Amino acid sequence: MRIDEFKPQKTSKNSRRHRLKTVSVMGMSTRESKYEIWRSQKNNEWYWHFKASNGETIATGQGYTDRRNCLNAVSLLQHSTRCKIYSLTPHKPGA
């Protein structure tokens, strides 16, 4: 899948969001999970978020001045599903 394959989805009078095609996350089928990108009417920047199959937003990104940079950030996430997880806070047993 190319990252720039998307379908326009009008969500309200003042905003327009673009839904990227279905992706696979960590080897799980995510038929209904999706990345959405949109341009803010307030500051004209591009944003993304990732929605789980239940419709809950589980990850969001910063604002990007260029749509291409926003799509690049989504692409990096799509290709990082096998990255290691590092805990920055020591684990305390029983906590």
N, C-alpha and C. Protein backbone atom coordinates (compact mmCIF):
# COMPACT_ATOMS: atom_id res chain seq x y z
N MET A 1 0.84 -1.19 0.00
CA MET A 1 0.00 0.00 0.00
C MET A 1 0.88 1.24 0.00
N ARG A 2 0.58 2.14 -0.85
CA ARG A 2 1.26 3.43 -0.83
C ARG A 2 0.59 4.31 0.20
N ILE A 3 1.37 5.10 0.92
CA ILE A 3 0.83 5.92 2.01
C ILE A 3 -0.11 6.99 1.49
N ASP A 4 0.02 7.39 0.24
CA ASP A 4 -0.83 8.47 -0.26
C ASP A 4 -2.15 7.97 -0.83
N GLU A 5 -2.46 6.68 -0.64
CA GLU A 5 -3.76 6.18 -1.08
C GLU A 5 -4.77 6.47 0.02
N PHE A 6 -5.65 7.39 -0.21
CA PHE A 6 -6.63 7.74 0.82
C PHE A 6 -7.96 8.07 0.17
N LYS A 7 -8.99 8.07 1.02
CA LYS A 7 -10.32 8.42 0.55
C LYS A 7 -10.79 9.63 1.33
N PRO A 8 -11.20 10.71 0.68
CA PRO A 8 -11.73 11.86 1.40
C PRO A 8 -12.98 11.47 2.18
N GLN A 9 -13.07 12.00 3.38
CA GLN A 9 -14.23 11.74 4.22
C GLN A 9 -14.62 13.04 4.90
N LYS A 10 -15.71 13.63 4.50
CA LYS A 10 -16.15 14.88 5.09
C LYS A 10 -16.79 14.59 6.44
N THR A 11 -16.28 15.23 7.50
CA THR A 11 -16.77 14.94 8.84
C THR A 11 -17.60 16.08 9.42
N SER A 12 -17.41 17.26 8.96
CA SER A 12 -18.21 18.37 9.44
C SER A 12 -18.13 19.52 8.44
N LYS A 13 -18.89 20.55 8.71
CA LYS A 13 -18.92 21.70 7.80
C LYS A 13 -17.56 22.38 7.72
N ASN A 14 -16.82 22.42 8.85
CA ASN A 14 -15.58 23.18 8.89
C ASN A 14 -14.30 22.35 8.74
N SER A 15 -14.42 21.02 8.65
CA SER A 15 -13.19 20.24 8.54
C SER A 15 -13.36 19.14 7.51
N ARG A 16 -12.23 18.66 7.04
CA ARG A 16 -12.22 17.57 6.07
C ARG A 16 -11.13 16.60 6.52
N ARG A 17 -11.49 15.33 6.68
CA ARG A 17 -10.51 14.33 7.10
C ARG A 17 -10.31 13.34 5.97
N HIS A 18 -9.15 12.75 5.94
CA HIS A 18 -8.83 11.76 4.92
C HIS A 18 -8.52 10.45 5.61
N ARG A 19 -9.20 9.41 5.21
CA ARG A 19 -9.02 8.10 5.81
C ARG A 19 -8.08 7.28 4.95
N LEU A 20 -6.98 6.82 5.55
CA LEU A 20 -6.06 5.96 4.82
C LEU A 20 -6.62 4.54 4.80
N LYS A 21 -6.20 3.77 3.84
CA LYS A 21 -6.69 2.40 3.74
C LYS A 21 -6.25 1.57 4.94
N THR A 22 -6.91 0.45 5.16
CA THR A 22 -6.66 -0.43 6.29
C THR A 22 -5.21 -0.88 6.35
N VAL A 23 -4.67 -0.98 7.55
CA VAL A 23 -3.29 -1.41 7.75
C VAL A 23 -3.27 -2.56 8.74
N SER A 24 -2.11 -3.20 8.86
CA SER A 24 -1.94 -4.26 9.84
C SER A 24 -1.00 -3.76 10.92
N VAL A 25 -1.36 -3.98 12.18
CA VAL A 25 -0.55 -3.51 13.29
C VAL A 25 -0.11 -4.69 14.13
N MET A 26 1.19 -4.85 14.31
CA MET A 26 1.77 -5.90 15.14
C MET A 26 1.22 -7.27 14.80
N GLY A 27 1.04 -7.54 13.52
CA GLY A 27 0.61 -8.85 13.07
C GLY A 27 -0.87 -9.14 13.27
N MET A 28 -1.61 -8.22 13.86
CA MET A 28 -3.04 -8.42 14.09
C MET A 28 -3.81 -7.86 12.91
N SER A 29 -4.91 -8.47 12.60
CA SER A 29 -5.78 -7.95 11.56
C SER A 29 -6.50 -6.72 12.12
N THR A 30 -6.41 -5.63 11.41
CA THR A 30 -7.03 -4.38 11.87
C THR A 30 -7.96 -3.87 10.80
N ARG A 31 -8.89 -4.71 10.39
CA ARG A 31 -9.76 -4.35 9.27
C ARG A 31 -10.44 -3.01 9.47
N GLU A 32 -10.76 -2.68 10.70
CA GLU A 32 -11.46 -1.43 10.92
C GLU A 32 -10.58 -0.37 11.57
N SER A 33 -9.38 -0.73 11.96
CA SER A 33 -8.46 0.26 12.50
C SER A 33 -7.99 1.14 11.35
N LYS A 34 -7.70 2.39 11.65
CA LYS A 34 -7.32 3.28 10.55
C LYS A 34 -6.55 4.49 11.04
N TYR A 35 -5.74 5.03 10.14
CA TYR A 35 -5.12 6.33 10.34
C TYR A 35 -6.01 7.35 9.65
N GLU A 36 -6.20 8.48 10.27
CA GLU A 36 -6.92 9.58 9.63
C GLU A 36 -6.02 10.81 9.65
N ILE A 37 -6.01 11.53 8.55
CA ILE A 37 -5.26 12.79 8.49
C ILE A 37 -6.23 13.89 8.10
N TRP A 38 -5.94 15.10 8.57
CA TRP A 38 -6.79 16.25 8.23
C TRP A 38 -6.02 17.54 8.41
N ARG A 39 -6.52 18.56 7.78
CA ARG A 39 -5.93 19.90 7.88
C ARG A 39 -6.80 20.74 8.79
N SER A 40 -6.18 21.36 9.78
CA SER A 40 -6.90 22.18 10.75
C SER A 40 -7.32 23.50 10.11
N GLN A 41 -8.54 23.90 10.37
CA GLN A 41 -9.03 25.19 9.90
C GLN A 41 -8.43 26.34 10.72
N LYS A 42 -8.03 26.04 11.96
CA LYS A 42 -7.52 27.09 12.86
C LYS A 42 -6.11 27.53 12.51
N ASN A 43 -5.20 26.57 12.33
CA ASN A 43 -3.80 26.94 12.09
C ASN A 43 -3.25 26.43 10.76
N ASN A 44 -4.10 25.80 9.96
CA ASN A 44 -3.72 25.33 8.62
C ASN A 44 -2.66 24.22 8.64
N GLU A 45 -2.48 23.55 9.78
CA GLU A 45 -1.51 22.47 9.87
C GLU A 45 -2.20 21.12 9.69
N TRP A 46 -1.42 20.13 9.27
CA TRP A 46 -1.90 18.76 9.07
C TRP A 46 -1.69 17.94 10.32
N TYR A 47 -2.67 17.11 10.69
CA TYR A 47 -2.60 16.26 11.87
C TYR A 47 -3.00 14.84 11.49
N TRP A 48 -2.62 13.87 12.32
CA TRP A 48 -3.03 12.49 12.13
C TRP A 48 -3.44 11.91 13.47
N HIS A 49 -4.27 10.91 13.43
CA HIS A 49 -4.51 10.06 14.60
C HIS A 49 -4.80 8.65 14.13
N PHE A 50 -4.61 7.71 15.04
CA PHE A 50 -4.87 6.30 14.76
C PHE A 50 -6.06 5.87 15.59
N LYS A 51 -7.06 5.31 14.93
CA LYS A 51 -8.27 4.85 15.61
C LYS A 51 -8.31 3.33 15.61
N ALA A 52 -8.62 2.76 16.78
CA ALA A 52 -8.77 1.32 16.92
C ALA A 52 -10.07 0.87 16.27
N SER A 53 -10.25 -0.43 16.17
CA SER A 53 -11.44 -0.96 15.51
C SER A 53 -12.73 -0.58 16.25
N ASN A 54 -12.62 -0.23 17.55
CA ASN A 54 -13.81 0.19 18.29
C ASN A 54 -14.09 1.69 18.13
N GLY A 55 -13.29 2.38 17.30
CA GLY A 55 -13.50 3.80 17.04
C GLY A 55 -12.77 4.72 18.00
N GLU A 56 -12.10 4.16 19.01
CA GLU A 56 -11.38 4.98 19.99
C GLU A 56 -10.05 5.44 19.42
N THR A 57 -9.73 6.72 19.60
CA THR A 57 -8.44 7.26 19.18
C THR A 57 -7.40 6.79 20.18
N ILE A 58 -6.38 6.09 19.69
CA ILE A 58 -5.37 5.56 20.60
C ILE A 58 -3.99 6.18 20.39
N ALA A 59 -3.81 6.97 19.35
CA ALA A 59 -2.55 7.67 19.12
C ALA A 59 -2.81 8.91 18.28
N THR A 60 -2.08 9.97 18.58
CA THR A 60 -2.22 11.22 17.82
C THR A 60 -0.83 11.77 17.51
N GLY A 61 -0.78 12.62 16.51
CA GLY A 61 0.49 13.22 16.12
C GLY A 61 0.47 14.72 16.25
N GLN A 62 1.64 15.31 16.13
CA GLN A 62 1.78 16.76 16.20
C GLN A 62 1.27 17.39 14.92
N GLY A 63 1.26 18.70 14.85
CA GLY A 63 0.86 19.40 13.63
C GLY A 63 2.03 19.51 12.66
N TYR A 64 1.74 19.36 11.38
CA TYR A 64 2.75 19.47 10.32
C TYR A 64 2.32 20.55 9.34
N THR A 65 3.27 21.37 8.92
CA THR A 65 2.94 22.44 7.99
C THR A 65 2.68 21.91 6.59
N ASP A 66 3.18 20.72 6.30
CA ASP A 66 3.06 20.14 4.97
C ASP A 66 2.39 18.77 5.04
N ARG A 67 1.43 18.52 4.16
CA ARG A 67 0.71 17.24 4.12
C ARG A 67 1.66 16.07 3.93
N ARG A 68 2.65 16.26 3.08
CA ARG A 68 3.64 15.21 2.79
C ARG A 68 4.37 14.78 4.06
N ASN A 69 4.71 15.73 4.94
CA ASN A 69 5.39 15.39 6.20
C ASN A 69 4.46 14.62 7.14
N CYS A 70 3.19 14.97 7.15
CA CYS A 70 2.22 14.25 7.96
C CYS A 70 2.11 12.80 7.48
N LEU A 71 2.02 12.60 6.16
CA LEU A 71 1.95 11.26 5.60
C LEU A 71 3.23 10.47 5.88
N ASN A 72 4.36 11.15 5.88
CA ASN A 72 5.63 10.50 6.18
C ASN A 72 5.63 9.99 7.62
N ALA A 73 5.11 10.77 8.55
CA ALA A 73 5.03 10.34 9.95
C ALA A 73 4.17 9.09 10.09
N VAL A 74 3.04 9.06 9.39
CA VAL A 74 2.17 7.88 9.42
C VAL A 74 2.91 6.68 8.82
N SER A 75 3.62 6.89 7.75
CA SER A 75 4.37 5.82 7.11
C SER A 75 5.42 5.24 8.05
N LEU A 76 6.11 6.10 8.78
CA LEU A 76 7.11 5.63 9.75
C LEU A 76 6.47 4.76 10.81
N LEU A 77 5.29 5.15 11.28
CA LEU A 77 4.59 4.35 12.28
C LEU A 77 4.15 3.00 11.70
N GLN A 78 3.67 3.01 10.49
CA GLN A 78 3.22 1.77 9.87
C GLN A 78 4.36 0.76 9.73
N HIS A 79 5.56 1.24 9.55
CA HIS A 79 6.72 0.36 9.37
C HIS A 79 7.45 0.07 10.67
N SER A 80 6.99 0.56 11.80
CA SER A 80 7.69 0.37 13.07
C SER A 80 6.97 -0.60 14.00
N THR A 81 6.13 -1.46 13.47
CA THR A 81 5.33 -2.35 14.32
C THR A 81 6.17 -3.42 15.02
N ARG A 82 7.37 -3.65 14.57
CA ARG A 82 8.23 -4.66 15.20
C ARG A 82 9.29 -4.03 16.10
N CYS A 83 9.19 -2.75 16.40
CA CYS A 83 10.16 -2.08 17.26
C CYS A 83 10.08 -2.60 18.68
N LYS A 84 11.22 -2.60 19.37
CA LYS A 84 11.27 -3.01 20.77
C LYS A 84 10.63 -1.94 21.64
N ILE A 85 10.14 -2.36 22.80
CA ILE A 85 9.54 -1.43 23.77
C ILE A 85 10.50 -1.31 24.94
N TYR A 86 10.86 -0.08 25.28
CA TYR A 86 11.74 0.19 26.40
C TYR A 86 10.97 0.94 27.47
N SER A 87 11.06 0.46 28.70
CA SER A 87 10.40 1.13 29.81
C SER A 87 11.33 2.20 30.35
N LEU A 88 10.84 3.41 30.46
CA LEU A 88 11.63 4.51 31.00
C LEU A 88 11.43 4.67 32.50
N THR A 89 10.46 3.94 33.03
CA THR A 89 10.18 3.94 34.46
C THR A 89 10.43 2.54 34.99
N PRO A 90 11.28 2.41 36.03
CA PRO A 90 11.55 1.07 36.58
C PRO A 90 10.26 0.42 37.09
N HIS A 91 10.15 -0.90 36.85
CA HIS A 91 8.98 -1.66 37.30
C HIS A 91 9.14 -2.02 38.77
N LYS A 92 8.09 -1.76 39.56
CA LYS A 92 8.09 -2.14 40.97
C LYS A 92 7.12 -3.29 41.14
N PRO A 93 7.59 -4.45 41.62
CA PRO A 93 6.69 -5.58 41.81
C PRO A 93 5.50 -5.22 42.70
N GLY A 94 4.33 -5.66 42.31
CA GLY A 94 3.12 -5.38 43.08
C GLY A 94 2.49 -4.04 42.77
N ALA A 95 3.10 -3.25 41.91
CA ALA A 95 2.56 -1.93 41.58
C ALA A 95 1.81 -1.96 40.29
